[in-house]
Amino acid sequence: MLIGLISDTHDHVPNIKKAVAEFKKRKVDLVLHAGDYCSPFTIPEFKGLNLKGIFGNNDGDKYLLISKFNEIDAEIAGDFLKVQADGLLIAVYHGTYAEITKSLCESGRYDVVVSGHIHEKVNRVIGETMHINPGTAHGFGEEASIAFLDTETRDVEFVVLD
């Protein structure tokens, strides 16, 4: 199974479109968004993907975000998401509090922890748990990125959004 990972889109519609095109091109089975969409108007760009996400610390109108997710038949789970995918237990948490991210990784309860917030790519193993941060899809004048997780091989690939 191929999972697309994205975070910190921060209303950057051109990069959201690039990310969605890459997810569709690679025929991902699932997309996990680790928060910070910011404004609800960006959510329709994700239509056609099997999208599951959480809130970040910069997300505005949460009720309208929920409504927009419902309109595209996607799921937003609040501040934390636990999902089973191809035998892996995956936790998704924005990363607002570094100690919570660290605790999730060190707990040993999850095969994979996906986070965002710091706008930096991370691919490391803590104990038996993979910690992946796809970086920021916005880019903020630097490198905008997304990631892919192959659940069979557990390989992680980062892709820069040109």
N, C-alpha and C. Protein backbone atom coordinates (compact mmCIF):
# COMPACT_ATOMS: atom_id res chain seq x y z
N MET A 1 0.84 -1.17 0.00
CA MET A 1 0.00 0.00 0.00
C MET A 1 0.89 1.24 0.00
N LEU A 2 0.50 2.25 -0.76
CA LEU A 2 1.25 3.49 -0.82
C LEU A 2 0.43 4.59 -0.17
N ILE A 3 1.04 5.25 0.81
CA ILE A 3 0.38 6.32 1.55
C ILE A 3 1.09 7.64 1.25
N GLY A 4 0.31 8.65 0.90
CA GLY A 4 0.84 9.99 0.71
C GLY A 4 0.78 10.75 2.02
N LEU A 5 1.84 11.49 2.33
CA LEU A 5 1.91 12.25 3.57
C LEU A 5 2.12 13.72 3.24
N ILE A 6 1.35 14.58 3.90
CA ILE A 6 1.42 16.01 3.65
C ILE A 6 1.12 16.74 4.95
N SER A 7 1.70 17.92 5.09
CA SER A 7 1.44 18.74 6.26
C SER A 7 1.72 20.19 5.93
N ASP A 8 1.19 21.05 6.76
CA ASP A 8 1.52 22.47 6.72
C ASP A 8 1.37 23.08 5.33
N THR A 9 0.17 22.93 4.77
CA THR A 9 -0.11 23.51 3.46
C THR A 9 -0.35 25.01 3.54
N HIS A 10 -0.81 25.50 4.68
CA HIS A 10 -0.95 26.94 4.95
C HIS A 10 -1.50 27.74 3.77
N ASP A 11 -2.62 27.29 3.22
CA ASP A 11 -3.35 28.02 2.16
C ASP A 11 -2.60 28.14 0.84
N HIS A 12 -1.53 27.42 0.64
CA HIS A 12 -0.74 27.56 -0.60
C HIS A 12 -1.36 26.68 -1.68
N VAL A 13 -2.38 27.20 -2.35
CA VAL A 13 -3.15 26.43 -3.32
C VAL A 13 -2.29 25.89 -4.47
N PRO A 14 -1.37 26.66 -5.04
CA PRO A 14 -0.56 26.09 -6.13
C PRO A 14 0.21 24.83 -5.69
N ASN A 15 0.76 24.83 -4.49
CA ASN A 15 1.49 23.65 -4.02
C ASN A 15 0.54 22.51 -3.63
N ILE A 16 -0.64 22.86 -3.14
CA ILE A 16 -1.64 21.82 -2.86
C ILE A 16 -1.99 21.11 -4.17
N LYS A 17 -2.19 21.88 -5.24
CA LYS A 17 -2.51 21.28 -6.54
C LYS A 17 -1.38 20.38 -7.02
N LYS A 18 -0.14 20.81 -6.83
CA LYS A 18 1.02 19.98 -7.22
C LYS A 18 1.05 18.69 -6.41
N ALA A 19 0.81 18.80 -5.10
CA ALA A 19 0.82 17.61 -4.24
C ALA A 19 -0.28 16.64 -4.63
N VAL A 20 -1.49 17.16 -4.84
CA VAL A 20 -2.62 16.30 -5.22
C VAL A 20 -2.34 15.62 -6.56
N ALA A 21 -1.77 16.34 -7.50
CA ALA A 21 -1.42 15.74 -8.80
C ALA A 21 -0.42 14.62 -8.62
N GLU A 22 0.56 14.81 -7.74
CA GLU A 22 1.56 13.77 -7.49
C GLU A 22 0.93 12.56 -6.80
N PHE A 23 0.04 12.80 -5.85
CA PHE A 23 -0.66 11.70 -5.18
C PHE A 23 -1.49 10.90 -6.18
N LYS A 24 -2.18 11.59 -7.06
CA LYS A 24 -3.01 10.91 -8.06
C LYS A 24 -2.15 10.18 -9.09
N LYS A 25 -1.06 10.79 -9.50
CA LYS A 25 -0.16 10.16 -10.47
C LYS A 25 0.38 8.83 -9.93
N ARG A 26 0.70 8.83 -8.67
CA ARG A 26 1.26 7.61 -8.05
C ARG A 26 0.18 6.67 -7.53
N LYS A 27 -1.06 7.07 -7.68
CA LYS A 27 -2.21 6.24 -7.29
C LYS A 27 -2.12 5.79 -5.83
N VAL A 28 -1.93 6.76 -4.94
CA VAL A 28 -1.86 6.44 -3.52
C VAL A 28 -3.18 5.87 -3.04
N ASP A 29 -3.10 5.00 -2.07
CA ASP A 29 -4.29 4.40 -1.50
C ASP A 29 -4.91 5.28 -0.42
N LEU A 30 -4.07 6.12 0.19
CA LEU A 30 -4.49 6.92 1.33
C LEU A 30 -3.59 8.14 1.40
N VAL A 31 -4.17 9.29 1.79
CA VAL A 31 -3.39 10.49 2.07
C VAL A 31 -3.65 10.89 3.51
N LEU A 32 -2.58 11.09 4.26
CA LEU A 32 -2.67 11.56 5.64
C LEU A 32 -2.14 12.99 5.69
N HIS A 33 -2.97 13.90 6.19
CA HIS A 33 -2.58 15.31 6.31
C HIS A 33 -2.43 15.62 7.79
N ALA A 34 -1.23 16.08 8.18
CA ALA A 34 -0.91 16.32 9.59
C ALA A 34 -1.22 17.75 10.04
N GLY A 35 -2.15 18.42 9.38
CA GLY A 35 -2.67 19.69 9.87
C GLY A 35 -2.02 20.94 9.33
N ASP A 36 -2.61 22.05 9.71
CA ASP A 36 -2.29 23.40 9.24
C ASP A 36 -2.65 23.59 7.77
N TYR A 37 -3.95 23.35 7.49
CA TYR A 37 -4.53 23.72 6.20
C TYR A 37 -4.65 25.24 6.21
N CYS A 38 -5.07 25.76 7.35
CA CYS A 38 -5.35 27.16 7.71
C CYS A 38 -6.79 27.50 7.35
N SER A 39 -7.10 27.73 6.09
CA SER A 39 -8.45 28.17 5.70
C SER A 39 -9.23 27.04 5.02
N PRO A 40 -10.53 26.97 5.31
CA PRO A 40 -11.35 25.91 4.72
C PRO A 40 -11.43 25.94 3.20
N PHE A 41 -11.19 27.09 2.56
CA PHE A 41 -11.34 27.17 1.10
C PHE A 41 -10.37 26.26 0.36
N THR A 42 -9.32 25.78 1.02
CA THR A 42 -8.33 24.91 0.36
C THR A 42 -8.77 23.45 0.27
N ILE A 43 -9.69 23.05 1.09
CA ILE A 43 -10.04 21.63 1.20
C ILE A 43 -10.60 21.04 -0.10
N PRO A 44 -11.43 21.73 -0.87
CA PRO A 44 -11.91 21.13 -2.13
C PRO A 44 -10.80 20.72 -3.09
N GLU A 45 -9.61 21.29 -2.96
CA GLU A 45 -8.49 20.89 -3.83
C GLU A 45 -8.11 19.43 -3.65
N PHE A 46 -8.45 18.85 -2.50
CA PHE A 46 -8.09 17.46 -2.18
C PHE A 46 -9.14 16.46 -2.67
N LYS A 47 -10.18 16.94 -3.33
CA LYS A 47 -11.26 16.06 -3.80
C LYS A 47 -10.71 14.94 -4.68
N GLY A 48 -11.24 13.75 -4.47
CA GLY A 48 -10.83 12.59 -5.26
C GLY A 48 -9.77 11.75 -4.58
N LEU A 49 -9.28 12.21 -3.44
CA LEU A 49 -8.29 11.43 -2.68
C LEU A 49 -8.96 10.79 -1.47
N ASN A 50 -8.45 9.68 -1.04
CA ASN A 50 -8.86 9.07 0.23
C ASN A 50 -8.09 9.81 1.32
N LEU A 51 -8.64 10.93 1.77
CA LEU A 51 -7.95 11.85 2.67
C LEU A 51 -8.44 11.71 4.10
N LYS A 52 -7.48 11.59 5.01
CA LYS A 52 -7.75 11.62 6.45
C LYS A 52 -6.78 12.64 7.04
N GLY A 53 -7.29 13.46 7.92
CA GLY A 53 -6.43 14.49 8.48
C GLY A 53 -6.79 14.85 9.90
N ILE A 54 -6.00 15.77 10.42
CA ILE A 54 -6.18 16.29 11.77
C ILE A 54 -6.01 17.80 11.71
N PHE A 55 -6.34 18.47 12.80
CA PHE A 55 -6.14 19.91 12.90
C PHE A 55 -4.70 20.21 13.29
N GLY A 56 -4.21 21.35 12.83
CA GLY A 56 -2.94 21.90 13.28
C GLY A 56 -3.19 23.12 14.14
N ASN A 57 -2.13 23.72 14.62
CA ASN A 57 -2.27 24.86 15.52
C ASN A 57 -2.67 26.15 14.80
N ASN A 58 -2.60 26.20 13.48
CA ASN A 58 -2.97 27.41 12.73
C ASN A 58 -4.28 27.27 11.98
N ASP A 59 -5.01 26.21 12.24
CA ASP A 59 -6.27 26.02 11.52
C ASP A 59 -7.35 26.91 12.11
N GLY A 60 -8.03 27.63 11.22
CA GLY A 60 -9.00 28.63 11.64
C GLY A 60 -10.35 28.06 12.00
N ASP A 61 -11.31 28.23 11.16
CA ASP A 61 -12.69 27.86 11.42
C ASP A 61 -12.84 26.33 11.34
N LYS A 62 -12.74 25.69 12.48
CA LYS A 62 -12.75 24.22 12.51
C LYS A 62 -14.09 23.65 12.07
N TYR A 63 -15.17 24.31 12.39
CA TYR A 63 -16.48 23.81 11.97
C TYR A 63 -16.62 23.85 10.45
N LEU A 64 -16.11 24.91 9.84
CA LEU A 64 -16.17 24.98 8.38
C LEU A 64 -15.17 24.01 7.75
N LEU A 65 -14.03 23.79 8.39
CA LEU A 65 -13.10 22.76 7.90
C LEU A 65 -13.78 21.39 7.89
N ILE A 66 -14.47 21.07 8.98
CA ILE A 66 -15.20 19.80 9.06
C ILE A 66 -16.23 19.71 7.95
N SER A 67 -16.96 20.78 7.72
CA SER A 67 -17.97 20.81 6.66
C SER A 67 -17.35 20.58 5.29
N LYS A 68 -16.22 21.24 5.02
CA LYS A 68 -15.54 21.08 3.73
C LYS A 68 -15.00 19.66 3.57
N PHE A 69 -14.49 19.06 4.64
CA PHE A 69 -14.06 17.66 4.58
C PHE A 69 -15.23 16.77 4.24
N ASN A 70 -16.37 16.99 4.87
CA ASN A 70 -17.56 16.18 4.59
C ASN A 70 -17.99 16.32 3.14
N GLU A 71 -17.88 17.51 2.57
CA GLU A 71 -18.28 17.75 1.18
C GLU A 71 -17.46 16.94 0.19
N ILE A 72 -16.20 16.65 0.52
CA ILE A 72 -15.36 15.88 -0.40
C ILE A 72 -15.22 14.42 0.05
N ASP A 73 -16.08 14.01 0.99
CA ASP A 73 -16.09 12.64 1.50
C ASP A 73 -14.74 12.26 2.09
N ALA A 74 -14.18 13.16 2.89
CA ALA A 74 -12.91 12.93 3.58
C ALA A 74 -13.16 12.96 5.09
N GLU A 75 -12.15 12.62 5.85
CA GLU A 75 -12.29 12.54 7.31
C GLU A 75 -11.28 13.45 7.99
N ILE A 76 -11.77 14.28 8.90
CA ILE A 76 -10.89 15.05 9.78
C ILE A 76 -11.21 14.62 11.20
N ALA A 77 -10.19 14.21 11.93
CA ALA A 77 -10.39 13.50 13.19
C ALA A 77 -10.17 14.34 14.44
N GLY A 78 -10.00 15.62 14.32
CA GLY A 78 -9.71 16.43 15.50
C GLY A 78 -8.20 16.64 15.60
N ASP A 79 -7.67 16.53 16.81
CA ASP A 79 -6.24 16.78 17.03
C ASP A 79 -5.37 15.54 16.91
N PHE A 80 -5.98 14.38 16.83
CA PHE A 80 -5.22 13.12 16.80
C PHE A 80 -5.98 12.10 15.97
N LEU A 81 -5.23 11.35 15.18
CA LEU A 81 -5.82 10.29 14.36
C LEU A 81 -5.03 9.02 14.54
N LYS A 82 -5.73 7.93 14.75
CA LYS A 82 -5.12 6.60 14.79
C LYS A 82 -5.75 5.83 13.65
N VAL A 83 -4.91 5.28 12.76
CA VAL A 83 -5.43 4.57 11.60
C VAL A 83 -4.63 3.28 11.38
N GLN A 84 -5.35 2.23 11.03
CA GLN A 84 -4.73 0.96 10.64
C GLN A 84 -4.61 0.96 9.12
N ALA A 85 -3.42 0.67 8.63
CA ALA A 85 -3.22 0.63 7.19
C ALA A 85 -2.25 -0.49 6.86
N ASP A 86 -2.75 -1.50 6.18
CA ASP A 86 -1.92 -2.60 5.72
C ASP A 86 -1.13 -3.22 6.88
N GLY A 87 -1.80 -3.39 8.01
CA GLY A 87 -1.17 -4.02 9.17
C GLY A 87 -0.36 -3.09 10.04
N LEU A 88 -0.22 -1.83 9.66
CA LEU A 88 0.53 -0.86 10.46
C LEU A 88 -0.44 0.00 11.26
N LEU A 89 -0.10 0.25 12.51
CA LEU A 89 -0.86 1.18 13.33
C LEU A 89 -0.15 2.53 13.24
N ILE A 90 -0.84 3.52 12.69
CA ILE A 90 -0.26 4.83 12.43
C ILE A 90 -0.95 5.88 13.28
N ALA A 91 -0.15 6.70 13.96
CA ALA A 91 -0.65 7.85 14.72
C ALA A 91 -0.32 9.11 13.93
N VAL A 92 -1.28 10.02 13.85
CA VAL A 92 -1.06 11.30 13.19
C VAL A 92 -1.35 12.39 14.22
N TYR A 93 -0.34 13.21 14.48
CA TYR A 93 -0.43 14.32 15.44
C TYR A 93 0.34 15.49 14.85
N HIS A 94 -0.22 16.68 14.89
CA HIS A 94 0.42 17.82 14.22
C HIS A 94 1.85 18.05 14.71
N GLY A 95 2.08 17.93 15.99
CA GLY A 95 3.42 18.16 16.52
C GLY A 95 3.55 19.46 17.27
N THR A 96 2.44 20.10 17.57
CA THR A 96 2.46 21.39 18.25
C THR A 96 3.30 21.33 19.52
N TYR A 97 3.18 20.26 20.25
CA TYR A 97 3.97 20.08 21.47
C TYR A 97 4.97 18.95 21.24
N ALA A 98 6.23 19.30 21.17
CA ALA A 98 7.29 18.34 20.86
C ALA A 98 7.31 17.17 21.83
N GLU A 99 7.00 17.40 23.08
CA GLU A 99 7.01 16.32 24.08
C GLU A 99 5.94 15.28 23.78
N ILE A 100 4.81 15.70 23.24
CA ILE A 100 3.77 14.73 22.87
C ILE A 100 4.24 13.90 21.69
N THR A 101 4.82 14.55 20.68
CA THR A 101 5.35 13.80 19.54
C THR A 101 6.38 12.79 20.00
N LYS A 102 7.30 13.23 20.85
CA LYS A 102 8.34 12.34 21.38
C LYS A 102 7.72 11.18 22.15
N SER A 103 6.73 11.47 22.97
CA SER A 103 6.07 10.41 23.76
C SER A 103 5.37 9.39 22.87
N LEU A 104 4.70 9.88 21.81
CA LEU A 104 4.06 8.96 20.88
C LEU A 104 5.08 8.03 20.24
N CYS A 105 6.22 8.60 19.84
CA CYS A 105 7.27 7.80 19.20
C CYS A 105 7.89 6.80 20.17
N GLU A 106 8.12 7.24 21.39
CA GLU A 106 8.79 6.39 22.37
C GLU A 106 7.87 5.38 23.04
N SER A 107 6.56 5.54 22.88
CA SER A 107 5.61 4.67 23.58
C SER A 107 5.66 3.22 23.10
N GLY A 108 6.07 3.02 21.85
CA GLY A 108 6.08 1.67 21.30
C GLY A 108 4.71 1.18 20.89
N ARG A 109 3.69 2.00 21.01
CA ARG A 109 2.33 1.60 20.67
C ARG A 109 2.05 1.67 19.17
N TYR A 110 2.84 2.48 18.45
CA TYR A 110 2.57 2.73 17.04
C TYR A 110 3.73 2.27 16.17
N ASP A 111 3.38 1.77 15.01
CA ASP A 111 4.42 1.41 14.03
C ASP A 111 4.98 2.67 13.37
N VAL A 112 4.09 3.65 13.17
CA VAL A 112 4.47 4.89 12.50
C VAL A 112 3.80 6.07 13.22
N VAL A 113 4.56 7.13 13.41
CA VAL A 113 4.01 8.40 13.89
C VAL A 113 4.28 9.44 12.80
N VAL A 114 3.21 10.08 12.34
CA VAL A 114 3.31 11.13 11.32
C VAL A 114 3.03 12.45 12.01
N SER A 115 3.93 13.41 11.80
CA SER A 115 3.74 14.73 12.39
C SER A 115 4.08 15.81 11.37
N GLY A 116 3.88 17.04 11.76
CA GLY A 116 4.21 18.20 10.94
C GLY A 116 4.79 19.27 11.83
N HIS A 117 4.30 20.49 11.69
CA HIS A 117 4.55 21.63 12.55
C HIS A 117 5.93 22.29 12.42
N ILE A 118 6.98 21.51 12.38
CA ILE A 118 8.33 22.10 12.41
C ILE A 118 8.83 22.49 11.02
N HIS A 119 8.08 22.13 9.98
CA HIS A 119 8.42 22.48 8.59
C HIS A 119 9.76 21.91 8.16
N GLU A 120 10.11 20.75 8.70
CA GLU A 120 11.36 20.06 8.35
C GLU A 120 11.05 18.59 8.09
N LYS A 121 11.74 18.03 7.10
CA LYS A 121 11.57 16.62 6.78
C LYS A 121 12.25 15.78 7.87
N VAL A 122 11.55 14.73 8.30
CA VAL A 122 12.08 13.81 9.30
C VAL A 122 11.76 12.40 8.84
N ASN A 123 12.75 11.53 8.92
CA ASN A 123 12.56 10.10 8.70
C ASN A 123 13.55 9.39 9.61
N ARG A 124 13.05 8.97 10.76
CA ARG A 124 13.93 8.31 11.73
C ARG A 124 13.15 7.20 12.43
N VAL A 125 13.90 6.32 13.05
CA VAL A 125 13.30 5.22 13.81
C VAL A 125 13.67 5.41 15.27
N ILE A 126 12.67 5.35 16.12
CA ILE A 126 12.86 5.44 17.56
C ILE A 126 12.33 4.13 18.14
N GLY A 127 13.23 3.30 18.61
CA GLY A 127 12.83 1.95 19.03
C GLY A 127 12.37 1.18 17.82
N GLU A 128 11.11 0.81 17.81
CA GLU A 128 10.51 0.11 16.67
C GLU A 128 9.59 1.02 15.86
N THR A 129 9.50 2.28 16.25
CA THR A 129 8.54 3.21 15.65
C THR A 129 9.21 4.13 14.63
N MET A 130 8.62 4.21 13.45
CA MET A 130 9.07 5.16 12.44
C MET A 130 8.43 6.52 12.75
N HIS A 131 9.23 7.57 12.73
CA HIS A 131 8.71 8.93 12.86
C HIS A 131 8.95 9.63 11.54
N ILE A 132 7.86 10.07 10.91
CA ILE A 132 7.95 10.72 9.60
C ILE A 132 7.28 12.09 9.67
N ASN A 133 7.99 13.09 9.20
CA ASN A 133 7.43 14.42 9.00
C ASN A 133 7.70 14.75 7.54
N PRO A 134 6.64 14.97 6.74
CA PRO A 134 6.86 15.23 5.32
C PRO A 134 7.41 16.61 5.01
N GLY A 135 7.64 17.42 6.04
CA GLY A 135 8.07 18.80 5.82
C GLY A 135 6.85 19.67 5.57
N THR A 136 7.06 20.84 5.03
CA THR A 136 5.95 21.74 4.74
C THR A 136 5.64 21.75 3.25
N ALA A 137 4.37 21.56 2.94
CA ALA A 137 3.96 21.64 1.54
C ALA A 137 3.89 23.10 1.08
N HIS A 138 3.84 24.02 2.01
CA HIS A 138 3.85 25.44 1.65
C HIS A 138 5.22 25.86 1.14
N GLY A 139 6.24 25.54 1.91
CA GLY A 139 7.60 25.88 1.52
C GLY A 139 8.14 27.13 2.16
N PHE A 140 7.30 28.14 2.34
CA PHE A 140 7.72 29.39 2.97
C PHE A 140 9.01 29.95 2.38
N GLY A 141 9.11 29.95 1.06
CA GLY A 141 10.28 30.49 0.38
C GLY A 141 11.46 29.55 0.32
N GLU A 142 11.31 28.40 0.92
CA GLU A 142 12.36 27.38 0.87
C GLU A 142 11.79 26.15 0.18
N GLU A 143 12.22 24.99 0.57
CA GLU A 143 11.82 23.75 -0.09
C GLU A 143 10.45 23.27 0.40
N ALA A 144 9.51 23.15 -0.52
CA ALA A 144 8.20 22.59 -0.23
C ALA A 144 8.25 21.10 -0.52
N SER A 145 7.69 20.28 0.38
CA SER A 145 7.82 18.83 0.20
C SER A 145 6.60 18.08 0.71
N ILE A 146 6.47 16.87 0.19
CA ILE A 146 5.51 15.86 0.64
C ILE A 146 6.30 14.57 0.76
N ALA A 147 5.64 13.51 1.24
CA ALA A 147 6.34 12.23 1.36
C ALA A 147 5.41 11.08 0.99
N PHE A 148 6.03 9.94 0.73
CA PHE A 148 5.32 8.70 0.44
C PHE A 148 5.86 7.61 1.34
N LEU A 149 4.94 6.81 1.89
CA LEU A 149 5.30 5.66 2.71
C LEU A 149 4.78 4.41 2.03
N ASP A 150 5.68 3.49 1.72
CA ASP A 150 5.32 2.17 1.20
C ASP A 150 5.18 1.26 2.41
N THR A 151 3.96 0.82 2.69
CA THR A 151 3.73 0.05 3.91
C THR A 151 4.35 -1.34 3.86
N GLU A 152 4.58 -1.88 2.68
CA GLU A 152 5.19 -3.20 2.58
C GLU A 152 6.68 -3.16 2.87
N THR A 153 7.38 -2.22 2.25
CA THR A 153 8.84 -2.15 2.41
C THR A 153 9.24 -1.20 3.54
N ARG A 154 8.29 -0.37 3.96
CA ARG A 154 8.53 0.71 4.95
C ARG A 154 9.53 1.75 4.45
N ASP A 155 9.64 1.85 3.14
CA ASP A 155 10.49 2.87 2.54
C ASP A 155 9.73 4.19 2.55
N VAL A 156 10.48 5.27 2.79
CA VAL A 156 9.93 6.62 2.77
C VAL A 156 10.65 7.40 1.68
N GLU A 157 9.86 8.08 0.84
CA GLU A 157 10.42 8.92 -0.21
C GLU A 157 9.88 10.32 -0.06
N PHE A 158 10.77 11.29 -0.03
CA PHE A 158 10.37 12.70 -0.01
C PHE A 158 10.38 13.23 -1.43
N VAL A 159 9.41 14.06 -1.76
CA VAL A 159 9.31 14.66 -3.08
C VAL A 159 9.22 16.17 -2.90
N VAL A 160 10.08 16.89 -3.59
CA VAL A 160 10.06 18.35 -3.55
C VAL A 160 9.05 18.83 -4.58
N LEU A 161 8.20 19.76 -4.16
CA LEU A 161 7.20 20.34 -5.05
C LEU A 161 7.84 21.52 -5.76
N ASP A 162 8.17 21.33 -7.05
CA ASP A 162 8.85 22.40 -7.82
C ASP A 162 7.91 23.52 -8.16
